[in-house]
Amino acid sequence: MTSWQLVRVIAGTFILLSLAFGYPGSPWFISEWFLAFTAFVGANLLQSGITKWCLMESILRKLGLRAGT
């Protein structure tokens, strides 16, 4: 798996978990403040799409994952 693929897997997991923990109708509801984390992840995805730079991908590449094409 390349670094850009893992970034998307991590982002998708964070979004789904934060929605499960932040949506009042969810059986795993903890607090509505988890929805702020959903917005944070979405904003970072938007920023990385515009600037073509992603901090998570940089971290993963330093940990040894190969870069995507």
PDB file of N, CA and C in Angstrom:
ATOM      1  N   MET A   1       0.857  -1.177   0.000  1.00  0.00           N
ATOM      2  CA  MET A   1       0.000   0.000   0.000  1.00  0.00           C
ATOM      3  C   MET A   1       0.902   1.238   0.000  1.00  0.00           C
ATOM      4  N   THR A   2       0.552   2.199  -0.809  1.00  0.00           N
ATOM      5  CA  THR A   2       1.345   3.425  -0.881  1.00  0.00           C
ATOM      6  C   THR A   2       0.866   4.427   0.160  1.00  0.00           C
ATOM      7  N   SER A   3       1.674   5.464   0.365  1.00  0.00           N
ATOM      8  CA  SER A   3       1.354   6.454   1.393  1.00  0.00           C
ATOM      9  C   SER A   3       0.045   7.183   1.097  1.00  0.00           C
ATOM     10  N   TRP A   4      -0.200   7.521  -0.172  1.00  0.00           N
ATOM     11  CA  TRP A   4      -1.440   8.256  -0.470  1.00  0.00           C
ATOM     12  C   TRP A   4      -2.671   7.380  -0.278  1.00  0.00           C
ATOM     13  N   GLN A   5      -2.533   6.070  -0.517  1.00  0.00           N
ATOM     14  CA  GLN A   5      -3.666   5.171  -0.278  1.00  0.00           C
ATOM     15  C   GLN A   5      -3.958   5.063   1.211  1.00  0.00           C
ATOM     16  N   LEU A   6      -2.905   4.946   2.019  1.00  0.00           N
ATOM     17  CA  LEU A   6      -3.102   4.827   3.465  1.00  0.00           C
ATOM     18  C   LEU A   6      -3.672   6.112   4.054  1.00  0.00           C
ATOM     19  N   VAL A   7      -3.286   7.261   3.518  1.00  0.00           N
ATOM     20  CA  VAL A   7      -3.855   8.536   3.978  1.00  0.00           C
ATOM     21  C   VAL A   7      -5.367   8.528   3.798  1.00  0.00           C
ATOM     22  N   ARG A   8      -5.828   8.058   2.674  1.00  0.00           N
ATOM     23  CA  ARG A   8      -7.274   8.030   2.412  1.00  0.00           C
ATOM     24  C   ARG A   8      -7.985   7.014   3.290  1.00  0.00           C
ATOM     25  N   VAL A   9      -7.341   5.881   3.563  1.00  0.00           N
ATOM     26  CA  VAL A   9      -7.929   4.886   4.465  1.00  0.00           C
ATOM     27  C   VAL A   9      -8.038   5.458   5.881  1.00  0.00           C
ATOM     28  N   ILE A  10      -6.986   6.120   6.337  1.00  0.00           N
ATOM     29  CA  ILE A  10      -6.998   6.726   7.673  1.00  0.00           C
ATOM     30  C   ILE A  10      -8.039   7.830   7.752  1.00  0.00           C
ATOM     31  N   ALA A  11      -8.092   8.704   6.749  1.00  0.00           N
ATOM     32  CA  ALA A  11      -9.069   9.799   6.752  1.00  0.00           C
ATOM     33  C   ALA A  11     -10.499   9.257   6.748  1.00  0.00           C
ATOM     34  N   GLY A  12     -10.759   8.264   5.925  1.00  0.00           N
ATOM     35  CA  GLY A  12     -12.094   7.671   5.888  1.00  0.00           C
ATOM     36  C   GLY A  12     -12.479   7.034   7.211  1.00  0.00           C
ATOM     37  N   THR A  13     -11.525   6.355   7.843  1.00  0.00           N
ATOM     38  CA  THR A  13     -11.782   5.747   9.146  1.00  0.00           C
ATOM     39  C   THR A  13     -12.065   6.809  10.201  1.00  0.00           C
ATOM     40  N   PHE A  14     -11.244   7.875  10.215  1.00  0.00           N
ATOM     41  CA  PHE A  14     -11.473   8.970  11.168  1.00  0.00           C
ATOM     42  C   PHE A  14     -12.849   9.604  10.978  1.00  0.00           C
ATOM     43  N   ILE A  15     -13.234   9.824   9.735  1.00  0.00           N
ATOM     44  CA  ILE A  15     -14.530  10.447   9.464  1.00  0.00           C
ATOM     45  C   ILE A  15     -15.672   9.552   9.923  1.00  0.00           C
ATOM     46  N   LEU A  16     -15.621   8.272   9.590  1.00  0.00           N
ATOM     47  CA  LEU A  16     -16.702   7.366   9.988  1.00  0.00           C
ATOM     48  C   LEU A  16     -16.788   7.210  11.509  1.00  0.00           C
ATOM     49  N   LEU A  17     -15.639   7.100  12.165  1.00  0.00           N
ATOM     50  CA  LEU A  17     -15.653   6.981  13.630  1.00  0.00           C
ATOM     51  C   LEU A  17     -16.165   8.255  14.294  1.00  0.00           C
ATOM     52  N   SER A  18     -15.705   9.415  13.810  1.00  0.00           N
ATOM     53  CA  SER A  18     -16.158  10.656  14.436  1.00  0.00           C
ATOM     54  C   SER A  18     -17.638  10.902  14.184  1.00  0.00           C
ATOM     55  N   LEU A  19     -18.161  10.460  13.053  1.00  0.00           N
ATOM     56  CA  LEU A  19     -19.603  10.561  12.831  1.00  0.00           C
ATOM     57  C   LEU A  19     -20.364   9.620  13.760  1.00  0.00           C
ATOM     58  N   ALA A  20     -19.841   8.405  13.940  1.00  0.00           N
ATOM     59  CA  ALA A  20     -20.494   7.448  14.839  1.00  0.00           C
ATOM     60  C   ALA A  20     -20.496   7.960  16.273  1.00  0.00           C
ATOM     61  N   PHE A  21     -19.413   8.618  16.685  1.00  0.00           N
ATOM     62  CA  PHE A  21     -19.322   9.125  18.059  1.00  0.00           C
ATOM     63  C   PHE A  21     -19.993  10.480  18.236  1.00  0.00           C
ATOM     64  N   GLY A  22     -20.258  11.207  17.145  1.00  0.00           N
ATOM     65  CA  GLY A  22     -20.797  12.551  17.256  1.00  0.00           C
ATOM     66  C   GLY A  22     -22.251  12.710  16.875  1.00  0.00           C
ATOM     67  N   TYR A  23     -22.818  11.739  16.177  1.00  0.00           N
ATOM     68  CA  TYR A  23     -24.220  11.843  15.759  1.00  0.00           C
ATOM     69  C   TYR A  23     -25.130  11.356  16.886  1.00  0.00           C
ATOM     70  N   PRO A  24     -26.059  12.202  17.366  1.00  0.00           N
ATOM     71  CA  PRO A  24     -26.902  11.821  18.509  1.00  0.00           C
ATOM     72  C   PRO A  24     -27.729  10.552  18.304  1.00  0.00           C
ATOM     73  N   GLY A  25     -28.059  10.186  17.089  1.00  0.00           N
ATOM     74  CA  GLY A  25     -28.850   8.989  16.844  1.00  0.00           C
ATOM     75  C   GLY A  25     -28.029   7.713  16.793  1.00  0.00           C
ATOM     76  N   SER A  26     -26.719   7.840  16.902  1.00  0.00           N
ATOM     77  CA  SER A  26     -25.840   6.675  16.813  1.00  0.00           C
ATOM     78  C   SER A  26     -25.818   5.889  18.122  1.00  0.00           C
ATOM     79  N   PRO A  27     -25.736   4.569  18.045  1.00  0.00           N
ATOM     80  CA  PRO A  27     -25.625   3.784  19.287  1.00  0.00           C
ATOM     81  C   PRO A  27     -24.291   4.001  20.002  1.00  0.00           C
ATOM     82  N   TRP A  28     -23.280   4.560  19.309  1.00  0.00           N
ATOM     83  CA  TRP A  28     -21.973   4.817  19.911  1.00  0.00           C
ATOM     84  C   TRP A  28     -21.772   6.291  20.244  1.00  0.00           C
ATOM     85  N   PHE A  29     -22.873   7.041  20.311  1.00  0.00           N
ATOM     86  CA  PHE A  29     -22.788   8.481  20.562  1.00  0.00           C
ATOM     87  C   PHE A  29     -22.066   8.776  21.874  1.00  0.00           C
ATOM     88  N   ILE A  30     -21.119   9.719  21.796  1.00  0.00           N
ATOM     89  CA  ILE A  30     -20.406  10.185  22.987  1.00  0.00           C
ATOM     90  C   ILE A  30     -20.667  11.675  23.187  1.00  0.00           C
ATOM     91  N   SER A  31     -20.347  12.476  22.162  1.00  0.00           N
ATOM     92  CA  SER A  31     -20.515  13.921  22.254  1.00  0.00           C
ATOM     93  C   SER A  31     -20.621  14.498  20.846  1.00  0.00           C
ATOM     94  N   GLU A  32     -21.406  15.551  20.710  1.00  0.00           N
ATOM     95  CA  GLU A  32     -21.516  16.212  19.415  1.00  0.00           C
ATOM     96  C   GLU A  32     -20.216  16.887  18.999  1.00  0.00           C
ATOM     97  N   TRP A  33     -19.281  17.073  19.923  1.00  0.00           N
ATOM     98  CA  TRP A  33     -18.000  17.691  19.603  1.00  0.00           C
ATOM     99  C   TRP A  33     -17.159  16.833  18.672  1.00  0.00           C
ATOM    100  N   PHE A  34     -17.483  15.540  18.553  1.00  0.00           N
ATOM    101  CA  PHE A  34     -16.763  14.700  17.601  1.00  0.00           C
ATOM    102  C   PHE A  34     -17.017  15.149  16.164  1.00  0.00           C
ATOM    103  N   LEU A  35     -18.116  15.846  15.933  1.00  0.00           N
ATOM    104  CA  LEU A  35     -18.396  16.363  14.588  1.00  0.00           C
ATOM    105  C   LEU A  35     -17.389  17.435  14.184  1.00  0.00           C
ATOM    106  N   ALA A  36     -16.804  18.116  15.170  1.00  0.00           N
ATOM    107  CA  ALA A  36     -15.752  19.087  14.862  1.00  0.00           C
ATOM    108  C   ALA A  36     -14.532  18.366  14.297  1.00  0.00           C
ATOM    109  N   PHE A  37     -14.252  17.161  14.780  1.00  0.00           N
ATOM    110  CA  PHE A  37     -13.138  16.382  14.238  1.00  0.00           C
ATOM    111  C   PHE A  37     -13.428  15.976  12.796  1.00  0.00           C
ATOM    112  N   THR A  38     -14.695  15.659  12.500  1.00  0.00           N
ATOM    113  CA  THR A  38     -15.090  15.353  11.121  1.00  0.00           C
ATOM    114  C   THR A  38     -14.787  16.547  10.219  1.00  0.00           C
ATOM    115  N   ALA A  39     -15.148  17.738  10.668  1.00  0.00           N
ATOM    116  CA  ALA A  39     -14.876  18.956   9.894  1.00  0.00           C
ATOM    117  C   ALA A  39     -13.375  19.183   9.740  1.00  0.00           C
ATOM    118  N   PHE A  40     -12.598  18.908  10.777  1.00  0.00           N
ATOM    119  CA  PHE A  40     -11.145  19.069  10.718  1.00  0.00           C
ATOM    120  C   PHE A  40     -10.531  18.153   9.660  1.00  0.00           C
ATOM    121  N   VAL A  41     -10.936  16.897   9.641  1.00  0.00           N
ATOM    122  CA  VAL A  41     -10.417  15.943   8.660  1.00  0.00           C
ATOM    123  C   VAL A  41     -10.825  16.380   7.248  1.00  0.00           C
ATOM    124  N   GLY A  42     -12.076  16.793   7.080  1.00  0.00           N
ATOM    125  CA  GLY A  42     -12.538  17.262   5.771  1.00  0.00           C
ATOM    126  C   GLY A  42     -11.784  18.484   5.302  1.00  0.00           C
ATOM    127  N   ALA A  43     -11.506  19.418   6.209  1.00  0.00           N
ATOM    128  CA  ALA A  43     -10.743  20.620   5.853  1.00  0.00           C
ATOM    129  C   ALA A  43      -9.317  20.255   5.443  1.00  0.00           C
ATOM    130  N   ASN A  44      -8.724  19.286   6.119  1.00  0.00           N
ATOM    131  CA  ASN A  44      -7.375  18.853   5.745  1.00  0.00           C
ATOM    132  C   ASN A  44      -7.366  18.156   4.394  1.00  0.00           C
ATOM    133  N   LEU A  45      -8.395  17.379   4.085  1.00  0.00           N
ATOM    134  CA  LEU A  45      -8.487  16.760   2.769  1.00  0.00           C
ATOM    135  C   LEU A  45      -8.629  17.825   1.685  1.00  0.00           C
ATOM    136  N   LEU A  46      -9.432  18.842   1.946  1.00  0.00           N
ATOM    137  CA  LEU A  46      -9.595  19.945   0.998  1.00  0.00           C
ATOM    138  C   LEU A  46      -8.272  20.679   0.793  1.00  0.00           C
ATOM    139  N   GLN A  47      -7.595  20.992   1.883  1.00  0.00           N
ATOM    140  CA  GLN A  47      -6.306  21.691   1.812  1.00  0.00           C
ATOM    141  C   GLN A  47      -5.284  20.871   1.034  1.00  0.00           C
ATOM    142  N   SER A  48      -5.224  19.573   1.273  1.00  0.00           N
ATOM    143  CA  SER A  48      -4.232  18.755   0.572  1.00  0.00           C
ATOM    144  C   SER A  48      -4.561  18.628  -0.916  1.00  0.00           C
ATOM    145  N   GLY A  49      -5.840  18.668  -1.251  1.00  0.00           N
ATOM    146  CA  GLY A  49      -6.219  18.632  -2.659  1.00  0.00           C
ATOM    147  C   GLY A  49      -5.854  19.900  -3.403  1.00  0.00           C
ATOM    148  N   ILE A  50      -5.914  21.021  -2.699  1.00  0.00           N
ATOM    149  CA  ILE A  50      -5.599  22.305  -3.330  1.00  0.00           C
ATOM    150  C   ILE A  50      -4.096  22.538  -3.396  1.00  0.00           C
ATOM    151  N   THR A  51      -3.395  22.255  -2.304  1.00  0.00           N
ATOM    152  CA  THR A  51      -1.965  22.562  -2.232  1.00  0.00           C
ATOM    153  C   THR A  51      -1.071  21.403  -2.680  1.00  0.00           C
ATOM    154  N   LYS A  52      -1.636  20.217  -2.826  1.00  0.00           N
ATOM    155  CA  LYS A  52      -0.890  19.005  -3.187  1.00  0.00           C
ATOM    156  C   LYS A  52       0.164  18.646  -2.137  1.00  0.00           C
ATOM    157  N   TRP A  53      -0.093  19.005  -0.865  1.00  0.00           N
ATOM    158  CA  TRP A  53       0.778  18.651   0.248  1.00  0.00           C
ATOM    159  C   TRP A  53      -0.090  18.171   1.402  1.00  0.00           C
ATOM    160  N   CYS A  54       0.319  17.065   2.017  1.00  0.00           N
ATOM    161  CA  CYS A  54      -0.442  16.493   3.121  1.00  0.00           C
ATOM    162  C   CYS A  54       0.526  16.094   4.227  1.00  0.00           C
ATOM    163  N   LEU A  55       0.306  16.611   5.428  1.00  0.00           N
ATOM    164  CA  LEU A  55       1.179  16.309   6.560  1.00  0.00           C
ATOM    165  C   LEU A  55       1.166  14.819   6.884  1.00  0.00           C
ATOM    166  N   MET A  56       0.003  14.193   6.864  1.00  0.00           N
ATOM    167  CA  MET A  56      -0.083  12.764   7.175  1.00  0.00           C
ATOM    168  C   MET A  56       0.744  11.944   6.180  1.00  0.00           C
ATOM    169  N   GLU A  57       0.680  12.300   4.918  1.00  0.00           N
ATOM    170  CA  GLU A  57       1.469  11.574   3.919  1.00  0.00           C
ATOM    171  C   GLU A  57       2.962  11.776   4.149  1.00  0.00           C
ATOM    172  N   SER A  58       3.357  12.971   4.529  1.00  0.00           N
ATOM    173  CA  SER A  58       4.767  13.225   4.830  1.00  0.00           C
ATOM    174  C   SER A  58       5.237  12.373   6.002  1.00  0.00           C
ATOM    175  N   ILE A  59       4.404  12.255   7.014  1.00  0.00           N
ATOM    176  CA  ILE A  59       4.740  11.437   8.182  1.00  0.00           C
ATOM    177  C   ILE A  59       4.853   9.968   7.784  1.00  0.00           C
ATOM    178  N   LEU A  60       3.895   9.488   7.009  1.00  0.00           N
ATOM    179  CA  LEU A  60       3.917   8.080   6.591  1.00  0.00           C
ATOM    180  C   LEU A  60       5.129   7.771   5.728  1.00  0.00           C
ATOM    181  N   ARG A  61       5.530   8.707   4.880  1.00  0.00           N
ATOM    182  CA  ARG A  61       6.703   8.484   4.035  1.00  0.00           C
ATOM    183  C   ARG A  61       7.968   8.446   4.878  1.00  0.00           C
ATOM    184  N   LYS A  62       8.034   9.263   5.933  1.00  0.00           N
ATOM    185  CA  LYS A  62       9.197   9.219   6.833  1.00  0.00           C
ATOM    186  C   LYS A  62       9.232   7.920   7.623  1.00  0.00           C
ATOM    187  N   LEU A  63       8.069   7.294   7.806  1.00  0.00           N
ATOM    188  CA  LEU A  63       8.009   6.010   8.491  1.00  0.00           C
ATOM    189  C   LEU A  63       8.345   4.836   7.559  1.00  0.00           C
ATOM    190  N   GLY A  64       8.569   5.130   6.287  1.00  0.00           N
ATOM    191  CA  GLY A  64       9.045   4.108   5.369  1.00  0.00           C
ATOM    192  C   GLY A  64       8.079   3.652   4.289  1.00  0.00           C
ATOM    193  N   LEU A  65       6.864   4.183   4.254  1.00  0.00           N
ATOM    194  CA  LEU A  65       5.950   3.805   3.177  1.00  0.00           C
ATOM    195  C   LEU A  65       6.413   4.435   1.878  1.00  0.00           C
ATOM    196  N   ARG A  66       6.206   3.710   0.801  1.00  0.00           N
ATOM    197  CA  ARG A  66       6.620   4.257  -0.494  1.00  0.00           C
ATOM    198  C   ARG A  66       5.585   5.259  -0.994  1.00  0.00           C
ATOM    199  N   ALA A  67       6.071   6.207  -1.764  1.00  0.00           N
ATOM    200  CA  ALA A  67       5.206   7.241  -2.320  1.00  0.00           C
ATOM    201  C   ALA A  67       4.346   6.659  -3.428  1.00  0.00           C
ATOM    202  N   GLY A  68       3.167   7.214  -3.571  1.00  0.00           N
ATOM    203  CA  GLY A  68       2.284   6.812  -4.668  1.00  0.00           C
ATOM    204  C   GLY A  68       2.669   7.520  -5.947  1.00  0.00           C
ATOM    205  N   THR A  69       2.047   7.093  -7.036  1.00  0.00           N
ATOM    206  CA  THR A  69       2.354   7.710  -8.322  1.00  0.00           C
ATOM    207  C   THR A  69       1.370   8.799  -8.647  1.00  0.00           C
TER     208      THR A  69
END
